[in-house]
Protein backbone atom coordinates (compact mmCIF):
# COMPACT_ATOMS: atom_id res chain seq x y z
CA UNK A 1 -186.23 96.15 -95.85
CA UNK A 2 -189.76 95.43 -97.04
CA UNK A 3 -189.67 91.65 -97.61
CA UNK A 4 -191.63 89.62 -95.04
CA UNK A 5 -192.13 85.93 -94.52
CA UNK A 6 -195.02 85.06 -92.20
CA UNK A 7 -195.74 81.90 -90.28
CA UNK A 8 -199.37 82.24 -89.19
CA UNK A 9 -201.05 80.29 -86.43
CA UNK A 10 -198.26 78.08 -85.13
CA UNK A 11 -200.17 76.03 -82.56
CA UNK A 12 -198.40 75.58 -79.23
CA UNK A 13 -199.34 74.08 -75.87
CA UNK A 14 -197.94 76.20 -73.06
CA UNK A 15 -198.11 76.54 -69.30
CA UNK A 16 -198.94 80.22 -69.10
CA UNK A 17 -201.03 82.53 -66.95
CA UNK A 18 -200.81 84.75 -63.90
CA UNK A 19 -202.54 82.47 -61.36
CA UNK A 20 -200.69 79.22 -60.67
CA UNK A 21 -203.93 77.29 -61.25
CA UNK A 22 -203.97 78.58 -64.83
CA UNK A 23 -200.41 77.33 -65.34
CA UNK A 24 -201.27 73.89 -63.92
CA UNK A 25 -202.16 72.56 -67.36
CA UNK A 26 -201.11 73.43 -70.86
CA UNK A 27 -203.21 75.86 -72.87
CA UNK A 28 -203.35 76.36 -76.59
CA UNK A 29 -201.60 79.46 -77.90
CA UNK A 30 -201.31 80.59 -81.49
CA UNK A 31 -198.11 82.32 -82.56
CA UNK A 32 -197.59 84.37 -85.71
CA UNK A 33 -194.00 85.14 -86.69
CA UNK A 34 -193.12 87.77 -89.26
CA UNK A 35 -189.56 87.49 -90.49
CA UNK A 36 -188.06 90.53 -92.15
CA UNK A 37 -185.52 89.22 -94.64
CA UNK A 38 -184.20 90.10 -98.07
CA UNK A 39 -185.64 87.32 -100.23
CA UNK A 40 -183.82 88.38 -103.41
CA UNK A 41 -180.75 86.12 -103.02
CA UNK A 42 -182.90 83.00 -102.56
CA UNK A 43 -185.45 83.90 -105.20
CA UNK A 44 -182.83 84.84 -107.81
CA UNK A 45 -181.25 81.40 -107.41
CA UNK A 46 -184.49 79.52 -106.62
CA UNK A 47 -182.37 77.85 -103.96
CA UNK A 48 -183.51 77.07 -100.43
CA UNK A 49 -179.91 77.24 -99.15
CA UNK A 50 -180.16 81.05 -99.47
CA UNK A 51 -183.53 81.20 -97.71
CA UNK A 52 -184.76 81.22 -94.13
CA UNK A 53 -185.53 77.70 -92.93
CA UNK A 54 -189.27 78.03 -92.16
CA UNK A 55 -189.45 74.54 -90.70
CA UNK A 56 -186.63 75.30 -88.26
CA UNK A 57 -188.39 78.51 -87.20
CA UNK A 58 -191.67 76.64 -86.66
CA UNK A 59 -189.92 73.97 -84.55
CA UNK A 60 -188.12 76.69 -82.57
CA UNK A 61 -191.41 78.48 -81.82
CA UNK A 62 -193.07 75.28 -80.60
CA UNK A 63 -190.06 74.16 -78.55
CA UNK A 64 -189.61 77.54 -76.84
CA UNK A 65 -193.35 77.87 -76.18
CA UNK A 66 -193.74 74.42 -74.71
CA UNK A 67 -190.78 74.39 -72.30
CA UNK A 68 -191.17 75.65 -68.75
CA UNK A 69 -193.90 78.03 -67.68
CA UNK A 70 -194.52 81.76 -67.77
CA UNK A 71 -197.00 84.19 -66.35
CA UNK A 72 -197.13 86.58 -69.31
CA UNK A 73 -197.52 86.13 -73.04
CA UNK A 74 -195.35 89.25 -73.28
CA UNK A 75 -192.46 87.21 -71.84
CA UNK A 76 -193.01 84.45 -74.37
CA UNK A 77 -193.10 86.95 -77.26
CA UNK A 78 -189.76 88.44 -76.16
CA UNK A 79 -188.13 85.03 -75.86
CA UNK A 80 -189.38 83.93 -79.27
CA UNK A 81 -188.09 87.07 -80.99
CA UNK A 82 -184.69 86.72 -79.29
CA UNK A 83 -184.41 83.04 -80.23
CA UNK A 84 -185.28 83.70 -83.87
CA UNK A 85 -182.78 86.54 -84.17
CA UNK A 86 -180.12 84.43 -82.46
CA UNK A 87 -180.58 81.36 -84.67
CA UNK A 88 -181.58 82.82 -88.05
CA UNK A 89 -178.80 85.07 -89.36
CA UNK A 90 -180.77 86.11 -92.47
CA UNK A 91 -183.58 87.62 -90.37
CA UNK A 92 -183.09 91.36 -89.81
CA UNK A 93 -186.18 91.77 -87.63
CA UNK A 94 -188.86 89.56 -86.13
CA UNK A 95 -192.47 90.47 -85.44
CA UNK A 96 -194.12 88.10 -83.00
CA UNK A 97 -197.82 87.87 -82.19
CA UNK A 98 -198.92 85.58 -79.35
CA UNK A 99 -202.66 84.91 -79.18
CA UNK A 100 -204.37 83.42 -76.15
CA UNK A 101 -207.99 82.81 -75.20
CA UNK A 102 -208.15 84.35 -71.72
CA UNK A 103 -209.58 81.96 -69.13
CA UNK A 104 -210.55 84.79 -66.76
CA UNK A 105 -212.21 86.99 -69.40
CA UNK A 106 -215.27 85.12 -70.66
CA UNK A 107 -216.44 87.98 -72.90
CA UNK A 108 -213.10 88.38 -74.69
CA UNK A 109 -212.32 86.04 -77.56
CA UNK A 110 -208.55 86.46 -77.36
CA UNK A 111 -205.73 88.61 -76.07
CA UNK A 112 -202.94 89.38 -78.52
CA UNK A 113 -199.47 90.70 -77.77
CA UNK A 114 -197.41 91.87 -80.75
CA UNK A 115 -193.78 92.94 -80.60
CA UNK A 116 -191.13 93.75 -83.22
CA UNK A 117 -187.44 93.30 -82.47
CA UNK A 118 -184.46 94.03 -84.69
CA UNK A 119 -180.80 93.11 -84.65
């Protein structure tokens, strides 16, 4: 399947980081979500009822990112992909990118983890 829907730069506030001091306060993360889905049924009808609910996906990403705490952005990426595949039956695969400005790496603009998970 070659059709992709992308949500770029979903801003989240998350308690994340290896040292507990880093997790003490929320940090800004940016999440990109690529949703592999056949858009033909929705586009042929021009009907949102046949489409992926982008707003629901965006809310899911923010809710999952902002609850609890994690050490690794890898863990967050896995949980986001699993949640999208669980709640969005039209999505055949999800590509998730989590971007974080690393507090401990002053000369690195951001660290990015990208995963792709399928049904």
